[in-house]
């Protein structure tokens, strides 16, 4: 499998390293890439002890972006569980819905522990979340042991048999959840459906390589800061500023052409630009 990928690609190197680290299944989680696709992983997690998910074994997909770990993966549950919708990208601070909260130091193991930690928490209406009752979730937990993935087979056999309540790992999962948890903007179901595409056709393609200008010259109708045209324009601007008093140039606010910062509470950039004042027409008469 390694021979079919560019070993110098940062994403490939990182994913192969994490695959080796997660090669051995634990009592609580297991994840590995598909044999024919390094950028699609399947995971299995056990339901947290002392919760309505206790006894459940839940399976899902992790879709890696081409520039992982600089961007977060998308997480999709396949096993009905009553907490997350199936076959839909779920909204967590460690998932592709919130790249602004993702940190490259986080890993697939971080995501698995966060999933375990988030399962007993309230859904709060986030995308891909469900608010089933505890009784309904307990029924689904028992039923999940029979789930079989078309690609992985019986998922309950992937985990090692639980020999204890693993309180240390459960505490670590809650700690990880506390670190990655953030307050996110809620989106309606209509917004989620309109913005999300079908996950069945999810494929990962490398980003196109940026085109380079071999000649090293600027494109047409543009000038470099050191070019004569740019210097001539700068001299004209300075001359016009010196000729007219600054107080006689009223200003208006115009929106900056730069993209808006997609953060709540940050207003659109404003720039002050002088209003051009046309010269009065000459009243001279041709004699």
C-alpha atoms as a PDB file:
ATOM      1  CA  UNK A   1       0.000   0.000   0.000  1.00  0.00           C
ATOM      2  CA  UNK A   2       2.835   2.411   0.819  1.00  0.00           C
ATOM      3  CA  UNK A   3       4.318   2.012  -2.654  1.00  0.00           C
ATOM      4  CA  UNK A   4       1.185   3.505  -4.252  1.00  0.00           C
ATOM      5  CA  UNK A   5       1.541   6.840  -2.414  1.00  0.00           C
ATOM      6  CA  UNK A   6       4.085   9.631  -2.464  1.00  0.00           C
ATOM      7  CA  UNK A   7       6.044   9.055   0.728  1.00  0.00           C
ATOM      8  CA  UNK A   8       7.252  12.666   0.734  1.00  0.00           C
ATOM      9  CA  UNK A   9       3.719  14.050   0.987  1.00  0.00           C
ATOM     10  CA  UNK A  10       3.155  15.364   4.563  1.00  0.00           C
ATOM     11  CA  UNK A  11      -0.379  13.948   4.720  1.00  0.00           C
ATOM     12  CA  UNK A  12       0.756  10.507   3.565  1.00  0.00           C
ATOM     13  CA  UNK A  13       3.643  10.411   6.037  1.00  0.00           C
ATOM     14  CA  UNK A  14       1.378  11.453   8.899  1.00  0.00           C
ATOM     15  CA  UNK A  15      -1.372   8.949   8.063  1.00  0.00           C
ATOM     16  CA  UNK A  16       1.034   6.022   7.740  1.00  0.00           C
ATOM     17  CA  UNK A  17       2.544   6.930  11.092  1.00  0.00           C
ATOM     18  CA  UNK A  18      -0.851   7.085  12.785  1.00  0.00           C
ATOM     19  CA  UNK A  19      -1.897   3.808  11.164  1.00  0.00           C
ATOM     20  CA  UNK A  20       1.105   2.112  12.773  1.00  0.00           C
ATOM     21  CA  UNK A  21       0.320   3.671  16.151  1.00  0.00           C
ATOM     22  CA  UNK A  22      -3.303   2.459  16.026  1.00  0.00           C
ATOM     23  CA  UNK A  23      -2.549  -0.939  14.519  1.00  0.00           C
ATOM     24  CA  UNK A  24      -3.336  -2.791  17.757  1.00  0.00           C
ATOM     25  CA  UNK A  25      -6.975  -2.697  18.837  1.00  0.00           C
ATOM     26  CA  UNK A  26      -7.799  -1.586  22.371  1.00  0.00           C
ATOM     27  CA  UNK A  27     -10.779  -2.347  24.565  1.00  0.00           C
ATOM     28  CA  UNK A  28     -12.375   1.012  23.763  1.00  0.00           C
ATOM     29  CA  UNK A  29     -11.448   1.984  20.196  1.00  0.00           C
ATOM     30  CA  UNK A  30      -9.877   0.847  16.942  1.00  0.00           C
ATOM     31  CA  UNK A  31      -9.259   2.601  13.613  1.00  0.00           C
ATOM     32  CA  UNK A  32      -7.419   1.765  10.405  1.00  0.00           C
ATOM     33  CA  UNK A  33      -7.433   3.003   6.785  1.00  0.00           C
ATOM     34  CA  UNK A  34      -9.033   0.972   4.034  1.00  0.00           C
ATOM     35  CA  UNK A  35      -6.692  -1.305   2.142  1.00  0.00           C
ATOM     36  CA  UNK A  36      -7.188   0.611  -1.101  1.00  0.00           C
ATOM     37  CA  UNK A  37      -7.590   4.163   0.246  1.00  0.00           C
ATOM     38  CA  UNK A  38      -5.295   5.721   2.817  1.00  0.00           C
ATOM     39  CA  UNK A  39      -7.558   8.762   3.100  1.00  0.00           C
ATOM     40  CA  UNK A  40     -10.643   6.839   4.248  1.00  0.00           C
ATOM     41  CA  UNK A  41     -10.538   5.215   7.658  1.00  0.00           C
ATOM     42  CA  UNK A  42     -13.085   3.071   9.460  1.00  0.00           C
ATOM     43  CA  UNK A  43     -13.314   3.266  13.233  1.00  0.00           C
ATOM     44  CA  UNK A  44     -15.035   1.369  16.022  1.00  0.00           C
ATOM     45  CA  UNK A  45     -15.638   2.744  19.511  1.00  0.00           C
ATOM     46  CA  UNK A  46     -17.251   1.195  22.553  1.00  0.00           C
ATOM     47  CA  UNK A  47     -20.017   3.055  24.344  1.00  0.00           C
ATOM     48  CA  UNK A  48     -18.928   4.827  27.546  1.00  0.00           C
ATOM     49  CA  UNK A  49     -19.421   2.830  30.730  1.00  0.00           C
ATOM     50  CA  UNK A  50     -22.038   4.017  33.216  1.00  0.00           C
ATOM     51  CA  UNK A  51     -24.120   5.555  30.410  1.00  0.00           C
ATOM     52  CA  UNK A  52     -27.046   4.546  28.220  1.00  0.00           C
ATOM     53  CA  UNK A  53     -24.454   3.603  25.565  1.00  0.00           C
ATOM     54  CA  UNK A  54     -22.814   0.986  27.807  1.00  0.00           C
ATOM     55  CA  UNK A  55     -22.565  -2.297  25.917  1.00  0.00           C
ATOM     56  CA  UNK A  56     -22.819  -0.640  22.520  1.00  0.00           C
ATOM     57  CA  UNK A  57     -20.226  -0.958  19.758  1.00  0.00           C
ATOM     58  CA  UNK A  58     -20.368   1.822  17.186  1.00  0.00           C
ATOM     59  CA  UNK A  59     -18.802   1.916  13.736  1.00  0.00           C
ATOM     60  CA  UNK A  60     -18.139   4.793  11.349  1.00  0.00           C
ATOM     61  CA  UNK A  61     -15.983   6.447   8.706  1.00  0.00           C
ATOM     62  CA  UNK A  62     -13.305   9.123   8.915  1.00  0.00           C
ATOM     63  CA  UNK A  63     -12.665  10.987   5.652  1.00  0.00           C
ATOM     64  CA  UNK A  64      -9.264  12.666   5.580  1.00  0.00           C
ATOM     65  CA  UNK A  65      -8.635  15.860   3.585  1.00  0.00           C
ATOM     66  CA  UNK A  66      -5.654  15.916   1.188  1.00  0.00           C
ATOM     67  CA  UNK A  67      -3.860  18.456   3.413  1.00  0.00           C
ATOM     68  CA  UNK A  68      -4.328  16.598   6.705  1.00  0.00           C
ATOM     69  CA  UNK A  69      -3.329  17.390   9.455  1.00  0.00           C
ATOM     70  CA  UNK A  70      -3.590  21.072   8.543  1.00  0.00           C
ATOM     71  CA  UNK A  71      -7.343  20.592   8.099  1.00  0.00           C
ATOM     72  CA  UNK A  72      -9.717  18.376  10.115  1.00  0.00           C
ATOM     73  CA  UNK A  73     -11.319  15.130   8.954  1.00  0.00           C
ATOM     74  CA  UNK A  74     -15.020  14.487   8.426  1.00  0.00           C
ATOM     75  CA  UNK A  75     -16.607  11.969  10.797  1.00  0.00           C
ATOM     76  CA  UNK A  76     -19.603   9.831   9.801  1.00  0.00           C
ATOM     77  CA  UNK A  77     -21.388   7.233  11.925  1.00  0.00           C
ATOM     78  CA  UNK A  78     -22.707   4.071  10.291  1.00  0.00           C
ATOM     79  CA  UNK A  79     -24.206   2.364  13.355  1.00  0.00           C
ATOM     80  CA  UNK A  80     -27.537   3.726  14.692  1.00  0.00           C
ATOM     81  CA  UNK A  81     -26.858   5.013  18.197  1.00  0.00           C
ATOM     82  CA  UNK A  82     -29.393   7.688  19.142  1.00  0.00           C
ATOM     83  CA  UNK A  83     -26.752  10.398  19.650  1.00  0.00           C
ATOM     84  CA  UNK A  84     -25.438  11.020  16.125  1.00  0.00           C
ATOM     85  CA  UNK A  85     -27.213  10.655  12.806  1.00  0.00           C
ATOM     86  CA  UNK A  86     -25.957   7.928  10.505  1.00  0.00           C
ATOM     87  CA  UNK A  87     -24.499   8.530   7.048  1.00  0.00           C
ATOM     88  CA  UNK A  88     -24.097  12.229   7.757  1.00  0.00           C
ATOM     89  CA  UNK A  89     -21.078  14.361   8.605  1.00  0.00           C
ATOM     90  CA  UNK A  90     -21.438  15.215  12.266  1.00  0.00           C
ATOM     91  CA  UNK A  91     -20.684  18.627  13.735  1.00  0.00           C
ATOM     92  CA  UNK A  92     -17.930  18.569  16.349  1.00  0.00           C
ATOM     93  CA  UNK A  93     -15.049  20.908  17.057  1.00  0.00           C
ATOM     94  CA  UNK A  94     -12.721  18.170  15.790  1.00  0.00           C
ATOM     95  CA  UNK A  95     -14.582  17.640  12.508  1.00  0.00           C
ATOM     96  CA  UNK A  96     -14.642  19.321   9.126  1.00  0.00           C
ATOM     97  CA  UNK A  97     -17.566  21.540  10.144  1.00  0.00           C
ATOM     98  CA  UNK A  98     -15.195  23.671  12.240  1.00  0.00           C
ATOM     99  CA  UNK A  99     -11.750  23.982  10.625  1.00  0.00           C
ATOM    100  CA  UNK A 100     -11.176  27.162  12.640  1.00  0.00           C
ATOM    101  CA  UNK A 101     -11.021  25.156  15.882  1.00  0.00           C
ATOM    102  CA  UNK A 102      -8.877  22.300  14.567  1.00  0.00           C
ATOM    103  CA  UNK A 103      -5.248  21.997  15.655  1.00  0.00           C
ATOM    104  CA  UNK A 104      -2.666  20.071  13.580  1.00  0.00           C
ATOM    105  CA  UNK A 105      -1.297  18.519  16.770  1.00  0.00           C
ATOM    106  CA  UNK A 106      -4.553  16.581  17.182  1.00  0.00           C
ATOM    107  CA  UNK A 107      -4.689  13.098  15.735  1.00  0.00           C
ATOM    108  CA  UNK A 108      -7.127  10.339  14.875  1.00  0.00           C
ATOM    109  CA  UNK A 109      -6.742   9.017  18.407  1.00  0.00           C
ATOM    110  CA  UNK A 110      -7.713  12.473  19.693  1.00  0.00           C
ATOM    111  CA  UNK A 111     -10.847  12.324  17.530  1.00  0.00           C
ATOM    112  CA  UNK A 112     -11.755   8.844  18.794  1.00  0.00           C
ATOM    113  CA  UNK A 113     -11.409   9.857  22.438  1.00  0.00           C
ATOM    114  CA  UNK A 114     -13.418  13.018  21.783  1.00  0.00           C
ATOM    115  CA  UNK A 115     -16.200  10.967  20.183  1.00  0.00           C
ATOM    116  CA  UNK A 116     -16.362   8.710  23.244  1.00  0.00           C
ATOM    117  CA  UNK A 117     -16.411  11.750  25.508  1.00  0.00           C
ATOM    118  CA  UNK A 118     -19.113  13.561  23.509  1.00  0.00           C
ATOM    119  CA  UNK A 119     -21.542  10.621  23.296  1.00  0.00           C
ATOM    120  CA  UNK A 120     -23.197  11.079  26.748  1.00  0.00           C
ATOM    121  CA  UNK A 121     -23.420  14.880  26.349  1.00  0.00           C
ATOM    122  CA  UNK A 122     -26.568  16.788  25.245  1.00  0.00           C
ATOM    123  CA  UNK A 123     -26.989  17.232  21.501  1.00  0.00           C
ATOM    124  CA  UNK A 124     -27.961  20.934  21.749  1.00  0.00           C
ATOM    125  CA  UNK A 125     -29.292  20.920  18.196  1.00  0.00           C
ATOM    126  CA  UNK A 126     -25.921  20.718  16.443  1.00  0.00           C
ATOM    127  CA  UNK A 127     -25.684  19.291  12.940  1.00  0.00           C
ATOM    128  CA  UNK A 128     -25.882  15.501  12.858  1.00  0.00           C
ATOM    129  CA  UNK A 129     -26.952  15.207  16.513  1.00  0.00           C
ATOM    130  CA  UNK A 130     -29.948  13.323  17.932  1.00  0.00           C
ATOM    131  CA  UNK A 131     -31.814  13.558  21.235  1.00  0.00           C
ATOM    132  CA  UNK A 132     -33.114  10.033  21.737  1.00  0.00           C
ATOM    133  CA  UNK A 133     -34.269   8.985  25.175  1.00  0.00           C
ATOM    134  CA  UNK A 134     -32.003   6.905  27.389  1.00  0.00           C
ATOM    135  CA  UNK A 135     -34.257   3.877  26.911  1.00  0.00           C
ATOM    136  CA  UNK A 136     -34.111   4.174  23.118  1.00  0.00           C
ATOM    137  CA  UNK A 137     -30.333   4.527  23.186  1.00  0.00           C
ATOM    138  CA  UNK A 138     -30.035   1.448  25.406  1.00  0.00           C
ATOM    139  CA  UNK A 139     -32.023  -0.577  22.870  1.00  0.00           C
ATOM    140  CA  UNK A 140     -29.793   0.651  20.046  1.00  0.00           C
ATOM    141  CA  UNK A 141     -26.695  -0.138  22.112  1.00  0.00           C
ATOM    142  CA  UNK A 142     -27.744  -3.764  22.411  1.00  0.00           C
ATOM    143  CA  UNK A 143     -28.675  -3.924  18.739  1.00  0.00           C
ATOM    144  CA  UNK A 144     -25.346  -2.396  17.660  1.00  0.00           C
ATOM    145  CA  UNK A 145     -23.477  -5.568  18.593  1.00  0.00           C
ATOM    146  CA  UNK A 146     -25.019  -7.264  15.566  1.00  0.00           C
ATOM    147  CA  UNK A 147     -24.013  -4.575  13.078  1.00  0.00           C
ATOM    148  CA  UNK A 148     -21.806  -5.678  10.186  1.00  0.00           C
ATOM    149  CA  UNK A 149     -19.940  -3.291   7.940  1.00  0.00           C
ATOM    150  CA  UNK A 150     -19.909  -4.244   4.233  1.00  0.00           C
ATOM    151  CA  UNK A 151     -16.158  -3.591   4.166  1.00  0.00           C
ATOM    152  CA  UNK A 152     -15.046  -4.517   7.695  1.00  0.00           C
ATOM    153  CA  UNK A 153     -17.437  -7.329   8.599  1.00  0.00           C
ATOM    154  CA  UNK A 154     -18.558  -7.828  12.188  1.00  0.00           C
ATOM    155  CA  UNK A 155     -17.371  -4.720  14.000  1.00  0.00           C
ATOM    156  CA  UNK A 156     -17.930  -6.035  17.536  1.00  0.00           C
ATOM    157  CA  UNK A 157     -15.071  -8.476  16.967  1.00  0.00           C
ATOM    158  CA  UNK A 158     -12.632  -5.661  16.194  1.00  0.00           C
ATOM    159  CA  UNK A 159     -12.277  -4.535  19.811  1.00  0.00           C
ATOM    160  CA  UNK A 160     -10.554  -6.428  22.558  1.00  0.00           C
ATOM    161  CA  UNK A 161     -12.843  -7.822  25.212  1.00  0.00           C
ATOM    162  CA  UNK A 162     -13.447  -5.345  27.998  1.00  0.00           C
ATOM    163  CA  UNK A 163     -11.877  -6.655  31.201  1.00  0.00           C
ATOM    164  CA  UNK A 164     -12.552  -3.597  33.359  1.00  0.00           C
ATOM    165  CA  UNK A 165     -14.443  -0.334  33.297  1.00  0.00           C
ATOM    166  CA  UNK A 166     -11.281   1.445  32.047  1.00  0.00           C
ATOM    167  CA  UNK A 167     -11.897   4.446  34.247  1.00  0.00           C
ATOM    168  CA  UNK A 168      -8.532   5.951  33.330  1.00  0.00           C
ATOM    169  CA  UNK A 169      -9.332   5.937  29.622  1.00  0.00           C
ATOM    170  CA  UNK A 170     -12.849   7.223  30.269  1.00  0.00           C
ATOM    171  CA  UNK A 171     -11.350  10.069  32.294  1.00  0.00           C
ATOM    172  CA  UNK A 172      -8.910  10.777  29.453  1.00  0.00           C
ATOM    173  CA  UNK A 173     -11.805  10.861  26.986  1.00  0.00           C
ATOM    174  CA  UNK A 174     -13.632  13.413  29.124  1.00  0.00           C
ATOM    175  CA  UNK A 175     -10.444  15.444  29.438  1.00  0.00           C
ATOM    176  CA  UNK A 176      -9.928  15.457  25.669  1.00  0.00           C
ATOM    177  CA  UNK A 177     -13.567  16.421  25.147  1.00  0.00           C
ATOM    178  CA  UNK A 178     -13.120  19.350  27.534  1.00  0.00           C
ATOM    179  CA  UNK A 179     -10.078  20.563  25.617  1.00  0.00           C
ATOM    180  CA  UNK A 180     -11.647  20.414  22.178  1.00  0.00           C
ATOM    181  CA  UNK A 181     -15.160  21.514  23.143  1.00  0.00           C
ATOM    182  CA  UNK A 182     -16.085  24.996  21.921  1.00  0.00           C
ATOM    183  CA  UNK A 183     -19.269  26.986  21.599  1.00  0.00           C
ATOM    184  CA  UNK A 184     -20.289  26.844  17.957  1.00  0.00           C
ATOM    185  CA  UNK A 185     -22.919  28.646  15.942  1.00  0.00           C
ATOM    186  CA  UNK A 186     -26.057  26.545  15.616  1.00  0.00           C
ATOM    187  CA  UNK A 187     -27.373  25.917  12.111  1.00  0.00           C
ATOM    188  CA  UNK A 188     -30.876  24.943  11.136  1.00  0.00           C
ATOM    189  CA  UNK A 189     -31.681  21.649   9.446  1.00  0.00           C
ATOM    190  CA  UNK A 190     -32.438  23.474   6.180  1.00  0.00           C
ATOM    191  CA  UNK A 191     -29.041  25.216   6.219  1.00  0.00           C
ATOM    192  CA  UNK A 192     -27.297  21.945   6.965  1.00  0.00           C
ATOM    193  CA  UNK A 193     -29.077  20.092   4.162  1.00  0.00           C
ATOM    194  CA  UNK A 194     -28.429  22.854   1.630  1.00  0.00           C
ATOM    195  CA  UNK A 195     -24.749  23.197   2.506  1.00  0.00           C
ATOM    196  CA  UNK A 196     -23.830  19.520   2.894  1.00  0.00           C
ATOM    197  CA  UNK A 197     -23.467  17.223  -0.081  1.00  0.00           C
ATOM    198  CA  UNK A 198     -24.139  13.514  -0.267  1.00  0.00           C
ATOM    199  CA  UNK A 199     -21.482  11.563   1.589  1.00  0.00           C
ATOM    200  CA  UNK A 200     -21.812   8.435  -0.477  1.00  0.00           C
ATOM    201  CA  UNK A 201     -19.688   9.950  -3.221  1.00  0.00           C
ATOM    202  CA  UNK A 202     -17.017  11.316  -0.943  1.00  0.00           C
ATOM    203  CA  UNK A 203     -13.635  11.043  -2.592  1.00  0.00           C
ATOM    204  CA  UNK A 204     -10.366  12.698  -1.817  1.00  0.00           C
ATOM    205  CA  UNK A 205      -8.443  14.253  -4.690  1.00  0.00           C
ATOM    206  CA  UNK A 206      -5.128  16.065  -4.322  1.00  0.00           C
ATOM    207  CA  UNK A 207      -5.370  19.849  -4.624  1.00  0.00           C
ATOM    208  CA  UNK A 208      -4.261  21.262  -8.005  1.00  0.00           C
ATOM    209  CA  UNK A 209      -0.721  22.554  -8.083  1.00  0.00           C
ATOM    210  CA  UNK A 210      -0.577  26.351  -8.326  1.00  0.00           C
ATOM    211  CA  UNK A 211       0.527  27.721 -11.699  1.00  0.00           C
ATOM    212  CA  UNK A 212       3.833  29.560 -11.720  1.00  0.00           C
ATOM    213  CA  UNK A 213       4.927  32.529 -13.834  1.00  0.00           C
ATOM    214  CA  UNK A 214       8.171  31.405 -15.459  1.00  0.00           C
ATOM    215  CA  UNK A 215       9.018  34.813 -16.853  1.00  0.00           C
ATOM    216  CA  UNK A 216       8.938  36.462 -13.416  1.00  0.00           C
ATOM    217  CA  UNK A 217       7.136  39.496 -14.862  1.00  0.00           C
ATOM    218  CA  UNK A 218       3.851  40.817 -13.514  1.00  0.00           C
ATOM    219  CA  UNK A 219       0.640  40.100 -15.476  1.00  0.00           C
ATOM    220  CA  UNK A 220      -0.750  42.712 -17.880  1.00  0.00           C
ATOM    221  CA  UNK A 221      -2.312  45.887 -16.480  1.00  0.00           C
ATOM    222  CA  UNK A 222      -0.382  45.478 -13.223  1.00  0.00           C
ATOM    223  CA  UNK A 223       2.864  47.059 -12.015  1.00  0.00           C
ATOM    224  CA  UNK A 224       5.337  46.111  -9.381  1.00  0.00           C
ATOM    225  CA  UNK A 225       6.101  48.530  -6.530  1.00  0.00           C
ATOM    226  CA  UNK A 226       9.494  49.288  -8.084  1.00  0.00           C
ATOM    227  CA  UNK A 227       8.323  49.728 -11.668  1.00  0.00           C
ATOM    228  CA  UNK A 228       8.469  53.206 -13.326  1.00  0.00           C
ATOM    229  CA  UNK A 229       4.698  53.248 -13.825  1.00  0.00           C
ATOM    230  CA  UNK A 230       4.098  52.645 -10.134  1.00  0.00           C
ATOM    231  CA  UNK A 231       6.623  55.338  -9.129  1.00  0.00           C
ATOM    232  CA  UNK A 232       5.080  57.847 -11.544  1.00  0.00           C
ATOM    233  CA  UNK A 233       1.613  57.220 -10.114  1.00  0.00           C
ATOM    234  CA  UNK A 234       2.892  57.634  -6.565  1.00  0.00           C
ATOM    235  CA  UNK A 235       4.499  61.007  -7.448  1.00  0.00           C
ATOM    236  CA  UNK A 236       1.249  62.224  -8.994  1.00  0.00           C
ATOM    237  CA  UNK A 237      -0.706  61.236  -5.880  1.00  0.00           C
ATOM    238  CA  UNK A 238       1.729  63.068  -3.607  1.00  0.00           C
ATOM    239  CA  UNK A 239       1.583  66.176  -5.803  1.00  0.00           C
ATOM    240  CA  UNK A 240      -2.218  66.245  -5.802  1.00  0.00           C
ATOM    241  CA  UNK A 241      -2.313  65.803  -2.005  1.00  0.00           C
ATOM    242  CA  UNK A 242       0.080  68.731  -1.504  1.00  0.00           C
ATOM    243  CA  UNK A 243      -1.828  71.015  -3.875  1.00  0.00           C
ATOM    244  CA  UNK A 244      -5.204  70.663  -2.137  1.00  0.00           C
ATOM    245  CA  UNK A 245      -5.800  71.145   1.633  1.00  0.00           C
ATOM    246  CA  UNK A 246      -6.691  67.941   3.452  1.00  0.00           C
ATOM    247  CA  UNK A 247      -9.632  69.628   5.143  1.00  0.00           C
ATOM    248  CA  UNK A 248     -11.282  70.356   1.787  1.00  0.00           C
ATOM    249  CA  UNK A 249     -11.434  66.693   0.813  1.00  0.00           C
ATOM    250  CA  UNK A 250     -14.538  65.097   2.313  1.00  0.00           C
ATOM    251  CA  UNK A 251     -14.303  61.382   2.888  1.00  0.00           C
ATOM    252  CA  UNK A 252     -16.758  58.574   2.501  1.00  0.00           C
ATOM    253  CA  UNK A 253     -16.616  55.056   3.857  1.00  0.00           C
ATOM    254  CA  UNK A 254     -16.187  52.242   1.362  1.00  0.00           C
ATOM    255  CA  UNK A 255     -15.996  48.530   1.991  1.00  0.00           C
ATOM    256  CA  UNK A 256     -12.633  46.866   1.772  1.00  0.00           C
ATOM    257  CA  UNK A 257     -12.213  44.569  -1.221  1.00  0.00           C
ATOM    258  CA  UNK A 258     -10.518  41.963   0.934  1.00  0.00           C
ATOM    259  CA  UNK A 259     -12.622  38.938   1.957  1.00  0.00           C
ATOM    260  CA  UNK A 260     -14.628  39.195   5.157  1.00  0.00           C
ATOM    261  CA  UNK A 261     -13.217  37.455   8.211  1.00  0.00           C
ATOM    262  CA  UNK A 262     -15.697  34.694   8.962  1.00  0.00           C
ATOM    263  CA  UNK A 263     -15.880  35.278  12.693  1.00  0.00           C
ATOM    264  CA  UNK A 264     -18.771  36.451  14.780  1.00  0.00           C
ATOM    265  CA  UNK A 265     -18.434  39.928  16.248  1.00  0.00           C
ATOM    266  CA  UNK A 266     -15.834  41.107  13.704  1.00  0.00           C
ATOM    267  CA  UNK A 267     -17.248  43.931  11.537  1.00  0.00           C
ATOM    268  CA  UNK A 268     -16.528  44.383   7.858  1.00  0.00           C
ATOM    269  CA  UNK A 269     -13.361  46.353   7.153  1.00  0.00           C
ATOM    270  CA  UNK A 270     -13.853  50.028   6.242  1.00  0.00           C
ATOM    271  CA  UNK A 271     -11.478  52.253   4.310  1.00  0.00           C
ATOM    272  CA  UNK A 272     -11.556  56.053   4.024  1.00  0.00           C
ATOM    273  CA  UNK A 273     -11.043  57.244   0.465  1.00  0.00           C
ATOM    274  CA  UNK A 274     -11.159  60.857  -0.710  1.00  0.00           C
ATOM    275  CA  UNK A 275     -14.070  61.869  -2.894  1.00  0.00           C
ATOM    276  CA  UNK A 276     -12.890  63.047  -6.275  1.00  0.00           C
ATOM    277  CA  UNK A 277     -13.810  66.689  -6.948  1.00  0.00           C
ATOM    278  CA  UNK A 278     -14.136  67.587 -10.595  1.00  0.00           C
ATOM    279  CA  UNK A 279     -12.671  70.899 -11.721  1.00  0.00           C
ATOM    280  CA  UNK A 280     -15.184  73.581 -12.765  1.00  0.00           C
ATOM    281  CA  UNK A 281     -15.626  73.984 -16.474  1.00  0.00           C
ATOM    282  CA  UNK A 282     -13.868  76.957 -18.041  1.00  0.00           C
ATOM    283  CA  UNK A 283     -16.025  79.892 -19.084  1.00  0.00           C
ATOM    284  CA  UNK A 284     -13.541  81.167 -21.658  1.00  0.00           C
ATOM    285  CA  UNK A 285     -15.045  82.189 -24.974  1.00  0.00           C
ATOM    286  CA  UNK A 286     -13.240  81.672 -28.225  1.00  0.00           C
ATOM    287  CA  UNK A 287     -12.677  85.054 -29.878  1.00  0.00           C
END
